[in-house]
Amino acid sequence: MIGSYVVLGEMQQLLGMYYLTDHPFVVLAVSLAALWSSAQVGVMLHKKLRPMEEGEREDFNVVSGATLTLLGLIIGFSFAMAISRYDQRKNYEEDEANAIGTAYFRAGIFSPVDASKIRGLLKDYLDQRILFYRTRDVAPLRQIDARTAHLQTQLWLVVQEAAAKQPTPPAALTVSAINDVLNSQGYTQAAWWNRLPSAAWWLLLALAMFCNLLIGYGSRRRSVVFFLVLPVAVSVSLFLISDISSPRRGLILVVPQNLLSLSESLRAQETLLAAPAAQADHQ
């Protein structure tokens, strides 16, 4: 069931506004073309309409300055929203690693057979969570989500059975740790769905196009380079916002460094524990 919700959310993003904003370089190209075209439309209107008088130009400069200030504020707010969502995804990755590590060590409270089962499932689960962060395409993600949901079900069944055999307070703490592992996955997925709203993107684009139209209309220059300054600056800003906001595309991604560190730590621990056993068997 969890895997179905994950795939549904990914498909909804694929078919919506997020499909465009999930590709930062596409955002850069589309916004640059749209903003430069808006400036050219402003130039055309300036040629067709009567020239502005000096008094009108002063009022026009006030309006265009206020509009550009508003655009800068909205870009700043949008960037702050994207950064907060990126930090949230990083924090939940750390929480997942802590939850899995705690559950792995608390599993030793149960019998050796049950502890071995739980730890084996947790190691497989850890591998799937690392793949979740590294995978970018929807098709492989479906398999990862299905495998993750299956491991969650198996893990909970094994823990329930082990806790029924050993109904003690330490066993209850282990059950709570496993519950935290399952909950942390849900929190992570919710954070990955928590994106910059589509309305904010449309407002950004519309206001940026209007500002470029005003600059084209009010400018006395006709240089192509001059009309590229603001479109380039705003397009790069939108590219950066899109890159930070996109969980799976672009250049700035959440690296599962805490999960990878935990995986390496568990492997090292297994190696240390296996060495004395191998020496004893050899003797």
C-alpha atoms as a PDB file:
ATOM      1  CA  MET A   1       0.000   0.000   0.000  1.00  0.00           C
ATOM      2  CA  ILE A   2       2.828   2.410   0.861  1.00  0.00           C
ATOM      3  CA  GLY A   3       4.531   1.687  -2.431  1.00  0.00           C
ATOM      4  CA  SER A   4       1.286   2.405  -4.313  1.00  0.00           C
ATOM      5  CA  TYR A   5       1.020   5.847  -2.708  1.00  0.00           C
ATOM      6  CA  VAL A   6       4.650   6.596  -3.549  1.00  0.00           C
ATOM      7  CA  VAL A   7       4.227   5.671  -7.216  1.00  0.00           C
ATOM      8  CA  LEU A   8       0.931   7.602  -7.369  1.00  0.00           C
ATOM      9  CA  GLY A   9       2.651  10.701  -6.058  1.00  0.00           C
ATOM     10  CA  GLU A  10       5.487  10.368  -8.554  1.00  0.00           C
ATOM     11  CA  MET A  11       3.020   9.987 -11.438  1.00  0.00           C
ATOM     12  CA  GLN A  12       1.034  13.022 -10.305  1.00  0.00           C
ATOM     13  CA  GLN A  13       4.203  15.083 -10.324  1.00  0.00           C
ATOM     14  CA  LEU A  14       5.141  13.673 -13.723  1.00  0.00           C
ATOM     15  CA  LEU A  15       1.852  14.809 -15.272  1.00  0.00           C
ATOM     16  CA  GLY A  16       1.634  18.205 -13.575  1.00  0.00           C
ATOM     17  CA  MET A  17       3.570  21.442 -13.390  1.00  0.00           C
ATOM     18  CA  TYR A  18       6.361  19.621 -11.582  1.00  0.00           C
ATOM     19  CA  TYR A  19       7.290  17.810 -14.786  1.00  0.00           C
ATOM     20  CA  LEU A  20       8.626  21.112 -16.105  1.00  0.00           C
ATOM     21  CA  THR A  21      10.185  22.328 -12.867  1.00  0.00           C
ATOM     22  CA  ASP A  22      11.809  18.921 -12.314  1.00  0.00           C
ATOM     23  CA  HIS A  23      14.109  19.724 -15.254  1.00  0.00           C
ATOM     24  CA  PRO A  24      16.067  22.858 -14.272  1.00  0.00           C
ATOM     25  CA  PHE A  25      17.800  23.239 -17.631  1.00  0.00           C
ATOM     26  CA  VAL A  26      14.401  23.197 -19.356  1.00  0.00           C
ATOM     27  CA  VAL A  27      13.260  25.898 -16.919  1.00  0.00           C
ATOM     28  CA  LEU A  28      16.349  27.929 -17.823  1.00  0.00           C
ATOM     29  CA  ALA A  29      15.735  27.661 -21.578  1.00  0.00           C
ATOM     30  CA  VAL A  30      11.964  28.236 -21.447  1.00  0.00           C
ATOM     31  CA  SER A  31      12.151  31.174 -19.043  1.00  0.00           C
ATOM     32  CA  LEU A  32      14.970  32.834 -20.978  1.00  0.00           C
ATOM     33  CA  ALA A  33      13.022  32.584 -24.225  1.00  0.00           C
ATOM     34  CA  ALA A  34       9.784  33.780 -22.606  1.00  0.00           C
ATOM     35  CA  LEU A  35      11.381  36.745 -20.834  1.00  0.00           C
ATOM     36  CA  TRP A  36      13.373  37.906 -23.847  1.00  0.00           C
ATOM     37  CA  SER A  37      10.239  37.633 -26.009  1.00  0.00           C
ATOM     38  CA  SER A  38       8.340  39.723 -23.472  1.00  0.00           C
ATOM     39  CA  ALA A  39      10.962  42.460 -23.742  1.00  0.00           C
ATOM     40  CA  GLN A  40      10.645  42.404 -27.524  1.00  0.00           C
ATOM     41  CA  VAL A  41       6.870  42.716 -27.238  1.00  0.00           C
ATOM     42  CA  GLY A  42       7.432  45.785 -25.076  1.00  0.00           C
ATOM     43  CA  VAL A  43       9.690  47.265 -27.776  1.00  0.00           C
ATOM     44  CA  MET A  44       6.991  46.676 -30.393  1.00  0.00           C
ATOM     45  CA  LEU A  45       4.377  48.401 -28.225  1.00  0.00           C
ATOM     46  CA  HIS A  46       6.728  51.326 -27.729  1.00  0.00           C
ATOM     47  CA  LYS A  47       7.029  51.749 -31.488  1.00  0.00           C
ATOM     48  CA  LYS A  48       3.283  51.564 -32.133  1.00  0.00           C
ATOM     49  CA  LEU A  49       2.108  53.779 -29.268  1.00  0.00           C
ATOM     50  CA  ARG A  50       2.811  57.488 -28.889  1.00  0.00           C
ATOM     51  CA  PRO A  51       6.069  58.473 -27.148  1.00  0.00           C
ATOM     52  CA  MET A  52       5.913  59.149 -23.417  1.00  0.00           C
ATOM     53  CA  GLU A  53       6.222  62.688 -22.170  1.00  0.00           C
ATOM     54  CA  GLU A  54       8.704  63.569 -19.422  1.00  0.00           C
ATOM     55  CA  GLY A  55       6.059  63.597 -16.696  1.00  0.00           C
ATOM     56  CA  GLU A  56       4.704  60.262 -17.852  1.00  0.00           C
ATOM     57  CA  ARG A  57       8.195  58.787 -17.955  1.00  0.00           C
ATOM     58  CA  GLU A  58       8.798  59.736 -14.322  1.00  0.00           C
ATOM     59  CA  ASP A  59       5.598  57.960 -13.309  1.00  0.00           C
ATOM     60  CA  PHE A  60       6.542  55.020 -15.509  1.00  0.00           C
ATOM     61  CA  ASN A  61       9.946  54.731 -13.821  1.00  0.00           C
ATOM     62  CA  VAL A  62       8.272  54.618 -10.407  1.00  0.00           C
ATOM     63  CA  VAL A  63       5.902  51.860 -11.524  1.00  0.00           C
ATOM     64  CA  SER A  64       8.620  49.799 -13.222  1.00  0.00           C
ATOM     65  CA  GLY A  65      10.943  50.192 -10.218  1.00  0.00           C
ATOM     66  CA  ALA A  66       8.236  49.045  -7.823  1.00  0.00           C
ATOM     67  CA  THR A  67       7.413  46.087 -10.068  1.00  0.00           C
ATOM     68  CA  LEU A  68      11.067  45.031 -10.259  1.00  0.00           C
ATOM     69  CA  THR A  69      11.336  45.295  -6.470  1.00  0.00           C
ATOM     70  CA  LEU A  70       8.286  43.069  -6.084  1.00  0.00           C
ATOM     71  CA  LEU A  71       9.824  40.556  -8.493  1.00  0.00           C
ATOM     72  CA  GLY A  72      13.033  40.506  -6.482  1.00  0.00           C
ATOM     73  CA  LEU A  73      11.108  39.932  -3.244  1.00  0.00           C
ATOM     74  CA  ILE A  74       9.093  37.057  -4.688  1.00  0.00           C
ATOM     75  CA  ILE A  75      12.240  35.443  -6.102  1.00  0.00           C
ATOM     76  CA  GLY A  76      13.857  35.745  -2.673  1.00  0.00           C
ATOM     77  CA  PHE A  77      10.845  34.233  -0.908  1.00  0.00           C
ATOM     78  CA  SER A  78      10.686  31.396  -3.443  1.00  0.00           C
ATOM     79  CA  PHE A  79      14.376  30.678  -2.979  1.00  0.00           C
ATOM     80  CA  ALA A  80      13.912  30.572   0.799  1.00  0.00           C
ATOM     81  CA  MET A  81      10.992  28.139   0.395  1.00  0.00           C
ATOM     82  CA  ALA A  82      13.069  25.884  -1.865  1.00  0.00           C
ATOM     83  CA  ILE A  83      15.996  25.932   0.582  1.00  0.00           C
ATOM     84  CA  SER A  84      13.740  25.037   3.530  1.00  0.00           C
ATOM     85  CA  ARG A  85      12.331  22.053   1.624  1.00  0.00           C
ATOM     86  CA  TYR A  86      15.825  20.916   0.645  1.00  0.00           C
ATOM     87  CA  ASP A  87      16.952  21.133   4.282  1.00  0.00           C
ATOM     88  CA  GLN A  88      13.875  19.175   5.313  1.00  0.00           C
ATOM     89  CA  ARG A  89      14.747  16.353   2.919  1.00  0.00           C
ATOM     90  CA  LYS A  90      18.308  16.283   4.291  1.00  0.00           C
ATOM     91  CA  ASN A  91      17.078  16.188   7.899  1.00  0.00           C
ATOM     92  CA  TYR A  92      14.702  13.303   7.225  1.00  0.00           C
ATOM     93  CA  GLU A  93      17.513  11.355   5.553  1.00  0.00           C
ATOM     94  CA  GLU A  94      19.480  11.714   8.770  1.00  0.00           C
ATOM     95  CA  ASP A  95      16.438  10.699  10.824  1.00  0.00           C
ATOM     96  CA  GLU A  96      15.992   7.575   8.708  1.00  0.00           C
ATOM     97  CA  ALA A  97      19.602   6.545   9.249  1.00  0.00           C
ATOM     98  CA  ASN A  98      19.305   7.089  13.002  1.00  0.00           C
ATOM     99  CA  ALA A  99      16.054   5.116  13.183  1.00  0.00           C
ATOM    100  CA  ILE A 100      17.428   2.154  11.224  1.00  0.00           C
ATOM    101  CA  GLY A 101      20.647   2.117  13.248  1.00  0.00           C
ATOM    102  CA  THR A 102      18.763   2.213  16.556  1.00  0.00           C
ATOM    103  CA  ALA A 103      16.429  -0.586  15.501  1.00  0.00           C
ATOM    104  CA  TYR A 104      19.357  -2.698  14.292  1.00  0.00           C
ATOM    105  CA  PHE A 105      21.129  -2.575  17.639  1.00  0.00           C
ATOM    106  CA  ARG A 106      17.965  -2.959  19.725  1.00  0.00           C
ATOM    107  CA  ALA A 107      17.113  -6.127  17.788  1.00  0.00           C
ATOM    108  CA  GLY A 108      19.778  -7.865  19.868  1.00  0.00           C
ATOM    109  CA  ILE A 109      17.316  -7.901  22.767  1.00  0.00           C
ATOM    110  CA  PHE A 110      15.434 -10.755  21.091  1.00  0.00           C
ATOM    111  CA  SER A 111      16.628 -14.314  20.693  1.00  0.00           C
ATOM    112  CA  PRO A 112      19.583 -14.875  18.335  1.00  0.00           C
ATOM    113  CA  VAL A 113      17.320 -16.385  15.686  1.00  0.00           C
ATOM    114  CA  ASP A 114      14.811 -13.518  15.740  1.00  0.00           C
ATOM    115  CA  ALA A 115      17.569 -10.905  15.996  1.00  0.00           C
ATOM    116  CA  SER A 116      19.269 -12.379  12.941  1.00  0.00           C
ATOM    117  CA  LYS A 117      16.024 -12.229  10.948  1.00  0.00           C
ATOM    118  CA  ILE A 118      15.288  -8.643  11.953  1.00  0.00           C
ATOM    119  CA  ARG A 119      18.816  -7.454  11.246  1.00  0.00           C
ATOM    120  CA  GLY A 120      18.857  -9.171   7.888  1.00  0.00           C
ATOM    121  CA  LEU A 121      15.608  -7.467   6.908  1.00  0.00           C
ATOM    122  CA  LEU A 122      16.909  -4.117   8.164  1.00  0.00           C
ATOM    123  CA  LYS A 123      20.058  -4.425   6.045  1.00  0.00           C
ATOM    124  CA  ASP A 124      17.977  -5.172   2.955  1.00  0.00           C
ATOM    125  CA  TYR A 125      15.689  -2.286   3.866  1.00  0.00           C
ATOM    126  CA  LEU A 126      18.688   0.018   4.246  1.00  0.00           C
ATOM    127  CA  ASP A 127      19.888  -0.896   0.755  1.00  0.00           C
ATOM    128  CA  GLN A 128      16.465  -0.042  -0.676  1.00  0.00           C
ATOM    129  CA  ARG A 129      16.404   3.327   1.074  1.00  0.00           C
ATOM    130  CA  ILE A 130      19.813   4.176  -0.396  1.00  0.00           C
ATOM    131  CA  LEU A 131      18.505   3.257  -3.834  1.00  0.00           C
ATOM    132  CA  PHE A 132      15.476   5.491  -3.244  1.00  0.00           C
ATOM    133  CA  TYR A 133      17.736   8.513  -2.868  1.00  0.00           C
ATOM    134  CA  ARG A 134      19.929   7.615  -5.824  1.00  0.00           C
ATOM    135  CA  THR A 135      17.246   6.673  -8.354  1.00  0.00           C
ATOM    136  CA  ARG A 136      15.976   9.359 -10.719  1.00  0.00           C
ATOM    137  CA  ASP A 137      13.637   7.507 -13.108  1.00  0.00           C
ATOM    138  CA  VAL A 138      10.068   6.502 -12.283  1.00  0.00           C
ATOM    139  CA  ALA A 139      10.252   2.949 -13.683  1.00  0.00           C
ATOM    140  CA  PRO A 140      13.075   1.688 -11.392  1.00  0.00           C
ATOM    141  CA  LEU A 141      11.500   3.592  -8.521  1.00  0.00           C
ATOM    142  CA  ARG A 142       8.380   1.435  -8.774  1.00  0.00           C
ATOM    143  CA  GLN A 143      10.428  -1.679  -8.118  1.00  0.00           C
ATOM    144  CA  ILE A 144      12.188  -0.001  -5.198  1.00  0.00           C
ATOM    145  CA  ASP A 145       8.877   1.101  -3.680  1.00  0.00           C
ATOM    146  CA  ALA A 146       7.376  -2.373  -4.069  1.00  0.00           C
ATOM    147  CA  ARG A 147      10.422  -3.984  -2.483  1.00  0.00           C
ATOM    148  CA  THR A 148      10.398  -1.429   0.345  1.00  0.00           C
ATOM    149  CA  ALA A 149       6.720  -2.047   1.101  1.00  0.00           C
ATOM    150  CA  HIS A 150       7.318  -5.817   1.118  1.00  0.00           C
ATOM    151  CA  LEU A 151      10.257  -5.468   3.503  1.00  0.00           C
ATOM    152  CA  GLN A 152       8.222  -3.242   5.808  1.00  0.00           C
ATOM    153  CA  THR A 153       5.478  -5.860   5.997  1.00  0.00           C
ATOM    154  CA  GLN A 154       7.938  -8.687   6.624  1.00  0.00           C
ATOM    155  CA  LEU A 155       9.811  -6.655   9.215  1.00  0.00           C
ATOM    156  CA  TRP A 156       6.687  -5.848  11.184  1.00  0.00           C
ATOM    157  CA  LEU A 157       5.482  -9.467  11.132  1.00  0.00           C
ATOM    158  CA  VAL A 158       8.823 -10.768  12.407  1.00  0.00           C
ATOM    159  CA  VAL A 159       8.957  -8.138  15.162  1.00  0.00           C
ATOM    160  CA  GLN A 160       5.391  -8.917  16.244  1.00  0.00           C
ATOM    161  CA  GLU A 161       6.200 -12.602  16.474  1.00  0.00           C
ATOM    162  CA  ALA A 162       9.406 -11.959  18.404  1.00  0.00           C
ATOM    163  CA  ALA A 163       7.691  -9.547  20.818  1.00  0.00           C
ATOM    164  CA  ALA A 164       4.929 -12.081  21.484  1.00  0.00           C
ATOM    165  CA  LYS A 165       7.564 -14.632  22.545  1.00  0.00           C
ATOM    166  CA  GLN A 166       9.296 -12.105  24.796  1.00  0.00           C
ATOM    167  CA  PRO A 167       6.747  -9.629  26.260  1.00  0.00           C
ATOM    168  CA  THR A 168       9.171  -7.445  28.221  1.00  0.00           C
ATOM    169  CA  PRO A 169       9.778  -3.676  28.416  1.00  0.00           C
ATOM    170  CA  PRO A 170      13.056  -3.928  26.432  1.00  0.00           C
ATOM    171  CA  ALA A 171      11.170  -5.824  23.715  1.00  0.00           C
ATOM    172  CA  ALA A 172       8.590  -3.014  23.641  1.00  0.00           C
ATOM    173  CA  LEU A 173      11.411  -0.525  23.056  1.00  0.00           C
ATOM    174  CA  THR A 174      12.556  -2.575  20.064  1.00  0.00           C
ATOM    175  CA  VAL A 175       9.038  -2.633  18.648  1.00  0.00           C
ATOM    176  CA  SER A 176       8.904   1.145  19.066  1.00  0.00           C
ATOM    177  CA  ALA A 177      12.236   1.461  17.237  1.00  0.00           C
ATOM    178  CA  ILE A 178      10.921  -0.584  14.306  1.00  0.00           C
ATOM    179  CA  ASN A 179       7.812   1.607  14.267  1.00  0.00           C
ATOM    180  CA  ASP A 180      10.072   4.665  14.022  1.00  0.00           C
ATOM    181  CA  VAL A 181      11.795   3.080  11.027  1.00  0.00           C
ATOM    182  CA  LEU A 182       8.486   2.679   9.235  1.00  0.00           C
ATOM    183  CA  ASN A 183       7.283   6.162  10.171  1.00  0.00           C
ATOM    184  CA  SER A 184      10.513   7.813   9.047  1.00  0.00           C
ATOM    185  CA  GLN A 185       9.986   6.483   5.527  1.00  0.00           C
ATOM    186  CA  GLY A 186       6.563   8.130   5.422  1.00  0.00           C
ATOM    187  CA  TYR A 187       7.947  11.419   6.685  1.00  0.00           C
ATOM    188  CA  THR A 188      10.669  11.315   4.042  1.00  0.00           C
ATOM    189  CA  GLN A 189       8.190  10.687   1.244  1.00  0.00           C
ATOM    190  CA  ALA A 190       5.966  13.523   2.457  1.00  0.00           C
ATOM    191  CA  ALA A 191       8.988  15.851   2.442  1.00  0.00           C
ATOM    192  CA  TRP A 192       9.801  14.855  -1.152  1.00  0.00           C
ATOM    193  CA  TRP A 193       6.233  15.673  -2.172  1.00  0.00           C
ATOM    194  CA  ASN A 194       6.355  19.031  -0.385  1.00  0.00           C
ATOM    195  CA  ARG A 195       7.395  21.180  -3.310  1.00  0.00           C
ATOM    196  CA  LEU A 196       7.179  24.812  -4.291  1.00  0.00           C
ATOM    197  CA  PRO A 197       3.482  25.343  -5.181  1.00  0.00           C
ATOM    198  CA  SER A 198       2.567  25.546  -8.850  1.00  0.00           C
ATOM    199  CA  ALA A 199       0.790  28.855  -8.213  1.00  0.00           C
ATOM    200  CA  ALA A 200       4.078  30.352  -7.026  1.00  0.00           C
ATOM    201  CA  TRP A 201       5.787  29.266 -10.262  1.00  0.00           C
ATOM    202  CA  TRP A 202       3.048  30.773 -12.423  1.00  0.00           C
ATOM    203  CA  LEU A 203       3.159  34.012 -10.425  1.00  0.00           C
ATOM    204  CA  LEU A 204       6.929  34.181 -10.767  1.00  0.00           C
ATOM    205  CA  LEU A 205       6.829  33.648 -14.514  1.00  0.00           C
ATOM    206  CA  ALA A 206       3.949  36.074 -15.106  1.00  0.00           C
ATOM    207  CA  LEU A 207       5.517  38.838 -13.020  1.00  0.00           C
ATOM    208  CA  ALA A 208       8.936  38.331 -14.641  1.00  0.00           C
ATOM    209  CA  MET A 209       7.398  38.541 -18.122  1.00  0.00           C
ATOM    210  CA  PHE A 210       5.515  41.695 -17.161  1.00  0.00           C
ATOM    211  CA  CYS A 211       8.698  43.299 -15.826  1.00  0.00           C
ATOM    212  CA  ASN A 212      10.553  42.535 -19.036  1.00  0.00           C
ATOM    213  CA  LEU A 213       7.669  43.927 -21.053  1.00  0.00           C
ATOM    214  CA  LEU A 214       7.867  47.164 -19.064  1.00  0.00           C
ATOM    215  CA  ILE A 215      11.619  47.382 -19.623  1.00  0.00           C
ATOM    216  CA  GLY A 216      11.185  46.844 -23.341  1.00  0.00           C
ATOM    217  CA  TYR A 217       8.429  49.430 -23.502  1.00  0.00           C
ATOM    218  CA  GLY A 218      10.242  52.078 -21.502  1.00  0.00           C
ATOM    219  CA  SER A 219      13.783  51.605 -22.785  1.00  0.00           C
ATOM    220  CA  ARG A 220      15.359  54.091 -25.175  1.00  0.00           C
ATOM    221  CA  ARG A 221      17.981  51.585 -26.268  1.00  0.00           C
ATOM    222  CA  ARG A 222      17.503  48.897 -28.879  1.00  0.00           C
ATOM    223  CA  SER A 223      20.610  46.778 -28.220  1.00  0.00           C
ATOM    224  CA  VAL A 224      20.004  43.025 -28.121  1.00  0.00           C
ATOM    225  CA  VAL A 225      22.564  42.614 -25.343  1.00  0.00           C
ATOM    226  CA  PHE A 226      20.770  45.194 -23.190  1.00  0.00           C
ATOM    227  CA  PHE A 227      17.509  43.279 -23.361  1.00  0.00           C
ATOM    228  CA  LEU A 228      19.258  40.052 -22.316  1.00  0.00           C
ATOM    229  CA  VAL A 229      20.496  41.335 -18.960  1.00  0.00           C
ATOM    230  CA  LEU A 230      17.302  40.951 -16.937  1.00  0.00           C
ATOM    231  CA  PRO A 231      16.064  37.786 -18.716  1.00  0.00           C
ATOM    232  CA  VAL A 232      19.398  36.071 -18.047  1.00  0.00           C
ATOM    233  CA  ALA A 233      19.493  37.164 -14.404  1.00  0.00           C
ATOM    234  CA  VAL A 234      15.912  36.072 -13.698  1.00  0.00           C
ATOM    235  CA  SER A 235      16.263  32.836 -15.686  1.00  0.00           C
ATOM    236  CA  VAL A 236      19.359  31.841 -13.724  1.00  0.00           C
ATOM    237  CA  SER A 237      17.457  32.568 -10.493  1.00  0.00           C
ATOM    238  CA  LEU A 238      14.558  30.373 -11.610  1.00  0.00           C
ATOM    239  CA  PHE A 239      17.030  27.681 -12.644  1.00  0.00           C
ATOM    240  CA  LEU A 240      18.578  27.685  -9.173  1.00  0.00           C
ATOM    241  CA  ILE A 241      15.174  27.573  -7.454  1.00  0.00           C
ATOM    242  CA  SER A 242      14.088  24.699  -9.693  1.00  0.00           C
ATOM    243  CA  ASP A 243      17.339  22.817  -9.121  1.00  0.00           C
ATOM    244  CA  ILE A 244      17.120  23.061  -5.334  1.00  0.00           C
ATOM    245  CA  SER A 245      13.399  22.289  -5.294  1.00  0.00           C
ATOM    246  CA  SER A 246      13.655  19.199  -7.512  1.00  0.00           C
ATOM    247  CA  PRO A 247      14.426  16.049  -5.454  1.00  0.00           C
ATOM    248  CA  ARG A 248      15.610  13.853  -8.332  1.00  0.00           C
ATOM    249  CA  ARG A 249      16.767  16.137 -11.151  1.00  0.00           C
ATOM    250  CA  GLY A 250      19.338  18.834 -11.556  1.00  0.00           C
ATOM    251  CA  LEU A 251      22.729  19.360  -9.981  1.00  0.00           C
ATOM    252  CA  ILE A 252      21.905  19.873  -6.288  1.00  0.00           C
ATOM    253  CA  LEU A 253      20.562  16.622  -4.822  1.00  0.00           C
ATOM    254  CA  VAL A 254      20.260  15.099  -1.374  1.00  0.00           C
ATOM    255  CA  VAL A 255      23.101  12.604  -0.996  1.00  0.00           C
ATOM    256  CA  PRO A 256      22.243   9.734   1.406  1.00  0.00           C
ATOM    257  CA  GLN A 257      25.536  10.157   3.237  1.00  0.00           C
ATOM    258  CA  ASN A 258      24.114   9.133   6.624  1.00  0.00           C
ATOM    259  CA  LEU A 259      22.527   5.985   5.194  1.00  0.00           C
ATOM    260  CA  LEU A 260      25.738   5.149   3.349  1.00  0.00           C
ATOM    261  CA  SER A 261      27.774   5.692   6.505  1.00  0.00           C
ATOM    262  CA  LEU A 262      25.426   3.403   8.432  1.00  0.00           C
ATOM    263  CA  SER A 263      25.687   0.724   5.755  1.00  0.00           C
ATOM    264  CA  GLU A 264      29.481   0.836   5.885  1.00  0.00           C
ATOM    265  CA  SER A 265      29.397   0.737   9.690  1.00  0.00           C
ATOM    266  CA  LEU A 266      27.191  -2.361   9.715  1.00  0.00           C
ATOM    267  CA  ARG A 267      29.437  -4.110   7.195  1.00  0.00           C
ATOM    268  CA  ALA A 268      32.501  -3.295   9.282  1.00  0.00           C
ATOM    269  CA  GLN A 269      30.779  -4.625  12.381  1.00  0.00           C
ATOM    270  CA  GLU A 270      29.905  -7.872  10.608  1.00  0.00           C
ATOM    271  CA  THR A 271      33.501  -8.265   9.526  1.00  0.00           C
ATOM    272  CA  LEU A 272      34.768  -7.803  13.087  1.00  0.00           C
ATOM    273  CA  LEU A 273      32.264 -10.289  14.481  1.00  0.00           C
ATOM    274  CA  ALA A 274      32.921 -12.829  11.760  1.00  0.00           C
ATOM    275  CA  ALA A 275      36.704 -12.805  12.260  1.00  0.00           C
ATOM    276  CA  PRO A 276      36.776 -14.440  15.754  1.00  0.00           C
ATOM    277  CA  ALA A 277      34.183 -17.005  14.665  1.00  0.00           C
ATOM    278  CA  ALA A 278      36.284 -17.940  11.649  1.00  0.00           C
ATOM    279  CA  GLN A 279      39.390 -18.283  13.811  1.00  0.00           C
ATOM    280  CA  ALA A 280      37.538 -20.505  16.278  1.00  0.00           C
ATOM    281  CA  ASP A 281      36.287 -22.769  13.470  1.00  0.00           C
ATOM    282  CA  HIS A 282      39.816 -22.955  12.053  1.00  0.00           C
ATOM    283  CA  GLN A 283      41.230 -24.006  15.413  1.00  0.00           C
END
